[in-house]
PDB file of N, CA and C in Angstrom:
ATOM      1  N   UNK A   1       0.867  -1.215   0.007  1.00  0.00           N
ATOM      2  CA  UNK A   1      -0.004   0.090   0.062  1.00  0.00           C
ATOM      3  C   UNK A   1       0.843   1.243  -0.005  1.00  0.00           C
ATOM      4  N   UNK A   2       1.850   1.399   0.898  1.00  0.00           N
ATOM      5  CA  UNK A   2       2.774   2.494   0.879  1.00  0.00           C
ATOM      6  C   UNK A   2       3.490   2.619  -0.448  1.00  0.00           C
ATOM      7  N   UNK A   3       3.921   1.486  -1.024  1.00  0.00           N
ATOM      8  CA  UNK A   3       4.646   1.656  -2.216  1.00  0.00           C
ATOM      9  C   UNK A   3       3.748   2.156  -3.385  1.00  0.00           C
ATOM     10  N   UNK A   4       2.371   1.879  -3.243  1.00  0.00           N
ATOM     11  CA  UNK A   4       1.431   2.325  -4.273  1.00  0.00           C
ATOM     12  C   UNK A   4       1.294   3.720  -4.159  1.00  0.00           C
ATOM     13  N   UNK A   5       1.165   4.214  -2.921  1.00  0.00           N
ATOM     14  CA  UNK A   5       1.077   5.700  -2.810  1.00  0.00           C
ATOM     15  C   UNK A   5       2.325   6.480  -3.241  1.00  0.00           C
ATOM     16  N   UNK A   6       3.510   5.823  -2.904  1.00  0.00           N
ATOM     17  CA  UNK A   6       4.675   6.491  -3.434  1.00  0.00           C
ATOM     18  C   UNK A   6       4.827   6.532  -4.979  1.00  0.00           C
ATOM     19  N   UNK A   7       4.327   5.349  -5.578  1.00  0.00           N
ATOM     20  CA  UNK A   7       4.411   5.198  -7.027  1.00  0.00           C
ATOM     21  C   UNK A   7       3.548   6.263  -7.690  1.00  0.00           C
ATOM     22  N   UNK A   8       2.196   6.399  -7.080  1.00  0.00           N
ATOM     23  CA  UNK A   8       1.316   7.258  -7.667  1.00  0.00           C
ATOM     24  C   UNK A   8       1.585   8.883  -7.342  1.00  0.00           C
ATOM     25  N   UNK A   9       2.133   9.049  -6.193  1.00  0.00           N
ATOM     26  CA  UNK A   9       2.501  10.459  -5.947  1.00  0.00           C
ATOM     27  C   UNK A   9       3.982  10.500  -5.531  1.00  0.00           C
ATOM     28  N   UNK A  10       4.832  10.299  -6.535  1.00  0.00           N
ATOM     29  CA  UNK A  10       6.269  10.331  -6.181  1.00  0.00           C
ATOM     30  C   UNK A  10       6.822  11.630  -5.495  1.00  0.00           C
ATOM     31  N   UNK A  11       7.530  11.435  -4.410  1.00  0.00           N
ATOM     32  CA  UNK A  11       8.055  12.546  -3.580  1.00  0.00           C
ATOM     33  C   UNK A  11       7.190  13.306  -2.704  1.00  0.00           C
ATOM     34  N   UNK A  12       5.931  12.974  -2.797  1.00  0.00           N
ATOM     35  CA  UNK A  12       4.922  13.681  -1.944  1.00  0.00           C
ATOM     36  C   UNK A  12       5.027  13.265  -0.480  1.00  0.00           C
ATOM     37  N   UNK A  13       5.121  11.931  -0.285  1.00  0.00           N
ATOM     38  CA  UNK A  13       5.162  11.399   1.128  1.00  0.00           C
ATOM     39  C   UNK A  13       6.498  10.763   1.463  1.00  0.00           C
ATOM     40  N   UNK A  14       6.949  10.803   2.700  1.00  0.00           N
ATOM     41  CA  UNK A  14       8.162  10.292   3.036  1.00  0.00           C
ATOM     42  C   UNK A  14       7.851   9.025   3.984  1.00  0.00           C
ATOM     43  N   UNK A  15       8.080   7.882   3.334  1.00  0.00           N
ATOM     44  CA  UNK A  15       7.811   6.586   4.165  1.00  0.00           C
ATOM     45  C   UNK A  15       9.073   5.923   4.557  1.00  0.00           C
ATOM     46  N   UNK A  16      10.127   6.587   4.716  1.00  0.00           N
ATOM     47  CA  UNK A  16      11.356   6.060   5.191  1.00  0.00           C
ATOM     48  C   UNK A  16      11.440   5.532   6.558  1.00  0.00           C
ATOM     49  N   UNK A  17      10.464   5.851   7.388  1.00  0.00           N
ATOM     50  CA  UNK A  17      10.309   5.416   8.711  1.00  0.00           C
ATOM     51  C   UNK A  17       9.559   3.941   8.704  1.00  0.00           C
ATOM     52  N   UNK A  18       9.026   3.658   7.444  1.00  0.00           N
ATOM     53  CA  UNK A  18       8.268   2.349   7.310  1.00  0.00           C
ATOM     54  C   UNK A  18       8.769   1.655   6.191  1.00  0.00           C
ATOM     55  N   UNK A  19      10.022   1.074   6.205  1.00  0.00           N
ATOM     56  CA  UNK A  19      10.498   0.250   5.253  1.00  0.00           C
ATOM     57  C   UNK A  19       9.704  -0.917   4.985  1.00  0.00           C
ATOM     58  N   UNK A  20       9.531  -1.423   3.778  1.00  0.00           N
ATOM     59  CA  UNK A  20       8.825  -2.541   3.449  1.00  0.00           C
ATOM     60  C   UNK A  20       9.357  -3.840   4.230  1.00  0.00           C
ATOM     61  N   UNK A  21       8.380  -4.603   4.821  1.00  0.00           N
ATOM     62  CA  UNK A  21       8.611  -5.699   5.580  1.00  0.00           C
ATOM     63  C   UNK A  21       9.168  -5.423   7.062  1.00  0.00           C
ATOM     64  N   UNK A  22       9.172  -4.190   7.515  1.00  0.00           N
ATOM     65  CA  UNK A  22       9.558  -3.808   8.919  1.00  0.00           C
ATOM     66  C   UNK A  22       8.369  -3.976   9.746  1.00  0.00           C
ATOM     67  N   UNK A  23       8.614  -4.054  11.064  1.00  0.00           N
ATOM     68  CA  UNK A  23       7.561  -4.183  12.022  1.00  0.00           C
ATOM     69  C   UNK A  23       6.854  -2.918  12.125  1.00  0.00           C
ATOM     70  N   UNK A  24       7.363  -1.727  11.885  1.00  0.00           N
ATOM     71  CA  UNK A  24       6.769  -0.415  11.737  1.00  0.00           C
ATOM     72  C   UNK A  24       5.752  -0.420  10.653  1.00  0.00           C
ATOM     73  N   UNK A  25       6.199  -0.852   9.535  1.00  0.00           N
ATOM     74  CA  UNK A  25       5.340  -0.851   8.310  1.00  0.00           C
ATOM     75  C   UNK A  25       4.108  -1.920   8.632  1.00  0.00           C
ATOM     76  N   UNK A  26       4.338  -2.993   9.224  1.00  0.00           N
ATOM     77  CA  UNK A  26       3.269  -3.933   9.550  1.00  0.00           C
ATOM     78  C   UNK A  26       2.207  -3.370  10.475  1.00  0.00           C
ATOM     79  N   UNK A  27       2.768  -2.637  11.463  1.00  0.00           N
ATOM     80  CA  UNK A  27       1.940  -1.973  12.525  1.00  0.00           C
ATOM     81  C   UNK A  27       0.986  -0.852  11.837  1.00  0.00           C
ATOM     82  N   UNK A  28       1.735  -0.042  10.899  1.00  0.00           N
ATOM     83  CA  UNK A  28       0.973   0.987  10.248  1.00  0.00           C
ATOM     84  C   UNK A  28      -0.213   0.333   9.460  1.00  0.00           C
ATOM     85  N   UNK A  29       0.111  -0.724   8.674  1.00  0.00           N
ATOM     86  CA  UNK A  29      -0.859  -1.232   7.736  1.00  0.00           C
ATOM     87  C   UNK A  29      -1.949  -1.837   8.552  1.00  0.00           C
ATOM     88  N   UNK A  30      -1.634  -2.478   9.639  1.00  0.00           N
ATOM     89  CA  UNK A  30      -2.566  -3.012  10.631  1.00  0.00           C
ATOM     90  C   UNK A  30      -3.575  -2.058  11.021  1.00  0.00           C
ATOM     91  N   UNK A  31      -3.051  -0.847  11.445  1.00  0.00           N
ATOM     92  CA  UNK A  31      -3.796   0.286  12.019  1.00  0.00           C
ATOM     93  C   UNK A  31      -4.809   0.805  10.892  1.00  0.00           C
ATOM     94  N   UNK A  32      -4.166   0.846   9.595  1.00  0.00           N
ATOM     95  CA  UNK A  32      -5.012   1.372   8.484  1.00  0.00           C
ATOM     96  C   UNK A  32      -6.169   0.428   8.200  1.00  0.00           C
ATOM     97  N   UNK A  33      -5.725  -0.867   8.162  1.00  0.00           N
ATOM     98  CA  UNK A  33      -6.807  -1.900   7.943  1.00  0.00           C
ATOM     99  C   UNK A  33      -8.014  -1.795   8.901  1.00  0.00           C
ATOM    100  N   UNK A  34      -7.657  -1.737  10.063  1.00  0.00           N
ATOM    101  CA  UNK A  34      -8.653  -1.603  11.209  1.00  0.00           C
ATOM    102  C   UNK A  34      -9.592  -0.437  11.044  1.00  0.00           C
ATOM    103  N   UNK A  35      -8.936   0.788  10.709  1.00  0.00           N
ATOM    104  CA  UNK A  35      -9.747   1.986  10.366  1.00  0.00           C
ATOM    105  C   UNK A  35     -10.574   1.762   9.184  1.00  0.00           C
ATOM    106  N   UNK A  36     -10.087   1.035   8.198  1.00  0.00           N
ATOM    107  CA  UNK A  36     -10.831   0.936   6.937  1.00  0.00           C
ATOM    108  C   UNK A  36     -11.948  -0.046   7.297  1.00  0.00           C
ATOM    109  N   UNK A  37     -11.878  -1.029   8.119  1.00  0.00           N
ATOM    110  CA  UNK A  37     -12.926  -1.844   8.449  1.00  0.00           C
ATOM    111  C   UNK A  37     -14.154  -1.104   9.076  1.00  0.00           C
ATOM    112  N   UNK A  38     -13.743  -0.040   9.753  1.00  0.00           N
ATOM    113  CA  UNK A  38     -14.837   0.695  10.439  1.00  0.00           C
ATOM    114  C   UNK A  38     -15.542   1.616   9.440  1.00  0.00           C
ATOM    115  N   UNK A  39     -15.012   1.993   8.396  1.00  0.00           N
ATOM    116  CA  UNK A  39     -15.591   2.792   7.345  1.00  0.00           C
ATOM    117  C   UNK A  39     -16.169   1.989   6.177  1.00  0.00           C
ATOM    118  N   UNK A  40     -15.834   0.732   5.941  1.00  0.00           N
ATOM    119  CA  UNK A  40     -16.156   0.038   4.668  1.00  0.00           C
ATOM    120  C   UNK A  40     -17.684   0.109   4.494  1.00  0.00           C
ATOM    121  N   UNK A  41     -17.903   0.458   3.339  1.00  0.00           N
ATOM    122  CA  UNK A  41     -19.392   0.594   2.848  1.00  0.00           C
ATOM    123  C   UNK A  41     -20.132   1.850   3.311  1.00  0.00           C
ATOM    124  N   UNK A  42     -19.529   2.492   4.161  1.00  0.00           N
ATOM    125  CA  UNK A  42     -19.990   3.882   4.699  1.00  0.00           C
ATOM    126  C   UNK A  42     -19.168   4.972   4.552  1.00  0.00           C
ATOM    127  N   UNK A  43     -18.236   4.992   3.584  1.00  0.00           N
ATOM    128  CA  UNK A  43     -17.242   6.103   3.393  1.00  0.00           C
ATOM    129  C   UNK A  43     -17.928   7.390   3.193  1.00  0.00           C
ATOM    130  N   UNK A  44     -19.031   7.385   2.406  1.00  0.00           N
ATOM    131  CA  UNK A  44     -19.731   8.657   1.942  1.00  0.00           C
ATOM    132  C   UNK A  44     -20.369   9.191   3.227  1.00  0.00           C
ATOM    133  N   UNK A  45     -21.195   8.374   3.790  1.00  0.00           N
ATOM    134  CA  UNK A  45     -21.920   8.879   4.994  1.00  0.00           C
ATOM    135  C   UNK A  45     -21.107   9.155   6.176  1.00  0.00           C
ATOM    136  N   UNK A  46     -20.229   8.213   6.505  1.00  0.00           N
ATOM    137  CA  UNK A  46     -19.446   8.493   7.774  1.00  0.00           C
ATOM    138  C   UNK A  46     -18.322   9.455   7.550  1.00  0.00           C
ATOM    139  N   UNK A  47     -17.623   9.467   6.425  1.00  0.00           N
ATOM    140  CA  UNK A  47     -16.438  10.410   6.206  1.00  0.00           C
ATOM    141  C   UNK A  47     -16.622  11.445   5.218  1.00  0.00           C
ATOM    142  N   UNK A  48     -17.842  11.472   4.572  1.00  0.00           N
ATOM    143  CA  UNK A  48     -18.104  12.448   3.592  1.00  0.00           C
ATOM    144  C   UNK A  48     -17.319  12.328   2.239  1.00  0.00           C
ATOM    145  N   UNK A  49     -16.832  11.138   2.003  1.00  0.00           N
ATOM    146  CA  UNK A  49     -15.965  10.783   0.876  1.00  0.00           C
ATOM    147  C   UNK A  49     -16.836  10.292  -0.344  1.00  0.00           C
ATOM    148  N   UNK A  50     -16.447  10.737  -1.602  1.00  0.00           N
ATOM    149  CA  UNK A  50     -17.264  10.271  -2.655  1.00  0.00           C
ATOM    150  C   UNK A  50     -16.255   9.525  -3.610  1.00  0.00           C
ATOM    151  N   UNK A  51     -15.139  10.183  -4.131  1.00  0.00           N
ATOM    152  CA  UNK A  51     -14.213   9.399  -5.083  1.00  0.00           C
ATOM    153  C   UNK A  51     -12.725   9.683  -4.785  1.00  0.00           C
ATOM    154  N   UNK A  52     -12.231  10.465  -3.950  1.00  0.00           N
ATOM    155  CA  UNK A  52     -11.029  10.871  -3.833  1.00  0.00           C
ATOM    156  C   UNK A  52     -10.101   9.723  -3.042  1.00  0.00           C
ATOM    157  N   UNK A  53      -9.144   9.004  -3.693  1.00  0.00           N
ATOM    158  CA  UNK A  53      -8.388   8.060  -2.895  1.00  0.00           C
ATOM    159  C   UNK A  53      -7.520   8.730  -1.822  1.00  0.00           C
ATOM    160  N   UNK A  54      -7.019   9.900  -2.172  1.00  0.00           N
ATOM    161  CA  UNK A  54      -6.131  10.523  -1.244  1.00  0.00           C
ATOM    162  C   UNK A  54      -6.910  10.993   0.010  1.00  0.00           C
ATOM    163  N   UNK A  55      -8.065  11.546  -0.195  1.00  0.00           N
ATOM    164  CA  UNK A  55      -8.904  11.888   0.953  1.00  0.00           C
ATOM    165  C   UNK A  55      -9.294  10.688   1.688  1.00  0.00           C
ATOM    166  N   UNK A  56      -9.488   9.456   1.183  1.00  0.00           N
ATOM    167  CA  UNK A  56      -9.856   8.295   1.860  1.00  0.00           C
ATOM    168  C   UNK A  56      -8.664   7.856   2.632  1.00  0.00           C
ATOM    169  N   UNK A  57      -7.415   7.965   2.220  1.00  0.00           N
ATOM    170  CA  UNK A  57      -6.246   7.715   2.950  1.00  0.00           C
ATOM    171  C   UNK A  57      -6.099   8.643   4.283  1.00  0.00           C
ATOM    172  N   UNK A  58      -6.349   9.896   4.000  1.00  0.00           N
ATOM    173  CA  UNK A  58      -6.228  10.763   5.025  1.00  0.00           C
ATOM    174  C   UNK A  58      -7.361  10.548   6.087  1.00  0.00           C
ATOM    175  N   UNK A  59      -8.557  10.161   5.632  1.00  0.00           N
ATOM    176  CA  UNK A  59      -9.744   9.859   6.615  1.00  0.00           C
ATOM    177  C   UNK A  59      -9.294   8.502   7.355  1.00  0.00           C
ATOM    178  N   UNK A  60      -8.681   7.603   6.773  1.00  0.00           N
ATOM    179  CA  UNK A  60      -8.259   6.419   7.491  1.00  0.00           C
ATOM    180  C   UNK A  60      -7.130   6.699   8.498  1.00  0.00           C
ATOM    181  N   UNK A  61      -6.177   7.503   8.183  1.00  0.00           N
ATOM    182  CA  UNK A  61      -5.239   7.984   9.081  1.00  0.00           C
ATOM    183  C   UNK A  61      -5.937   8.637  10.399  1.00  0.00           C
ATOM    184  N   UNK A  62      -6.826   9.554  10.104  1.00  0.00           N
ATOM    185  CA  UNK A  62      -7.471  10.256  11.126  1.00  0.00           C
ATOM    186  C   UNK A  62      -8.340   9.275  11.963  1.00  0.00           C
ATOM    187  N   UNK A  63      -8.971   8.337  11.331  1.00  0.00           N
ATOM    188  CA  UNK A  63      -9.762   7.281  12.109  1.00  0.00           C
ATOM    189  C   UNK A  63      -8.876   6.455  13.007  1.00  0.00           C
ATOM    190  N   UNK A  64      -7.674   6.177  12.401  1.00  0.00           N
ATOM    191  CA  UNK A  64      -6.714   5.264  13.251  1.00  0.00           C
ATOM    192  C   UNK A  64      -6.259   6.042  14.414  1.00  0.00           C
ATOM    193  N   UNK A  65      -6.025   7.431  14.246  1.00  0.00           N
ATOM    194  CA  UNK A  65      -5.565   8.121  15.379  1.00  0.00           C
ATOM    195  C   UNK A  65      -6.634   8.314  16.410  1.00  0.00           C
ATOM    196  N   UNK A  66      -7.887   8.563  15.903  1.00  0.00           N
ATOM    197  CA  UNK A  66      -8.998   8.750  16.789  1.00  0.00           C
ATOM    198  C   UNK A  66      -9.324   7.514  17.675  1.00  0.00           C
ATOM    199  N   UNK A  67      -9.183   6.370  16.990  1.00  0.00           N
ATOM    200  CA  UNK A  67      -9.338   5.115  17.686  1.00  0.00           C
ATOM    201  C   UNK A  67      -8.286   4.622  18.469  1.00  0.00           C
ATOM    202  N   UNK A  68      -7.194   5.232  18.456  1.00  0.00           N
ATOM    203  CA  UNK A  68      -5.991   4.939  19.124  1.00  0.00           C
ATOM    204  C   UNK A  68      -5.270   3.800  18.550  1.00  0.00           C
ATOM    205  N   UNK A  69      -5.578   3.332  17.342  1.00  0.00           N
ATOM    206  CA  UNK A  69      -4.801   2.159  16.714  1.00  0.00           C
ATOM    207  C   UNK A  69      -3.393   2.496  16.600  1.00  0.00           C
ATOM    208  N   UNK A  70      -3.006   3.741  16.475  1.00  0.00           N
ATOM    209  CA  UNK A  70      -1.496   4.115  16.300  1.00  0.00           C
ATOM    210  C   UNK A  70      -0.735   3.861  17.516  1.00  0.00           C
ATOM    211  N   UNK A  71      -1.385   3.621  18.723  1.00  0.00           N
ATOM    212  CA  UNK A  71      -0.557   3.430  19.904  1.00  0.00           C
ATOM    213  C   UNK A  71       0.052   1.961  19.854  1.00  0.00           C
ATOM    214  N   UNK A  72      -0.740   1.011  19.603  1.00  0.00           N
ATOM    215  CA  UNK A  72      -0.254  -0.446  19.279  1.00  0.00           C
ATOM    216  C   UNK A  72      -1.455  -1.164  18.834  1.00  0.00           C
ATOM    217  N   UNK A  73      -1.623  -1.265  17.591  1.00  0.00           N
ATOM    218  CA  UNK A  73      -2.795  -1.973  17.011  1.00  0.00           C
ATOM    219  C   UNK A  73      -3.140  -3.386  17.501  1.00  0.00           C
ATOM    220  N   UNK A  74      -2.016  -4.094  18.136  1.00  0.00           N
ATOM    221  CA  UNK A  74      -2.386  -5.440  18.703  1.00  0.00           C
ATOM    222  C   UNK A  74      -2.971  -5.343  20.025  1.00  0.00           C
ATOM    223  N   UNK A  75      -3.022  -4.151  20.649  1.00  0.00           N
ATOM    224  CA  UNK A  75      -3.577  -3.980  22.027  1.00  0.00           C
ATOM    225  C   UNK A  75      -5.013  -3.690  21.959  1.00  0.00           C
ATOM    226  N   UNK A  76      -5.494  -3.239  20.878  1.00  0.00           N
ATOM    227  CA  UNK A  76      -6.918  -2.789  20.757  1.00  0.00           C
ATOM    228  C   UNK A  76      -7.762  -3.958  20.462  1.00  0.00           C
TER     229      UNK A  76
END
């Protein structure tokens, strides 16, 4: 997922703290998956999103922070 973002928006995001296959990358992806599960099928109603992929990613990051998945997704 991070590689896809970097490929589509080269140089916009710095994912150097999350190298592919690292524990940090796995934790970030798990947090985003949990956040996505809470929005799935309700993106438009719950987050006000219609078609922007970048806005969806931002909404997922905010949801992960709000739900405290960023602390340690395995503890939640």
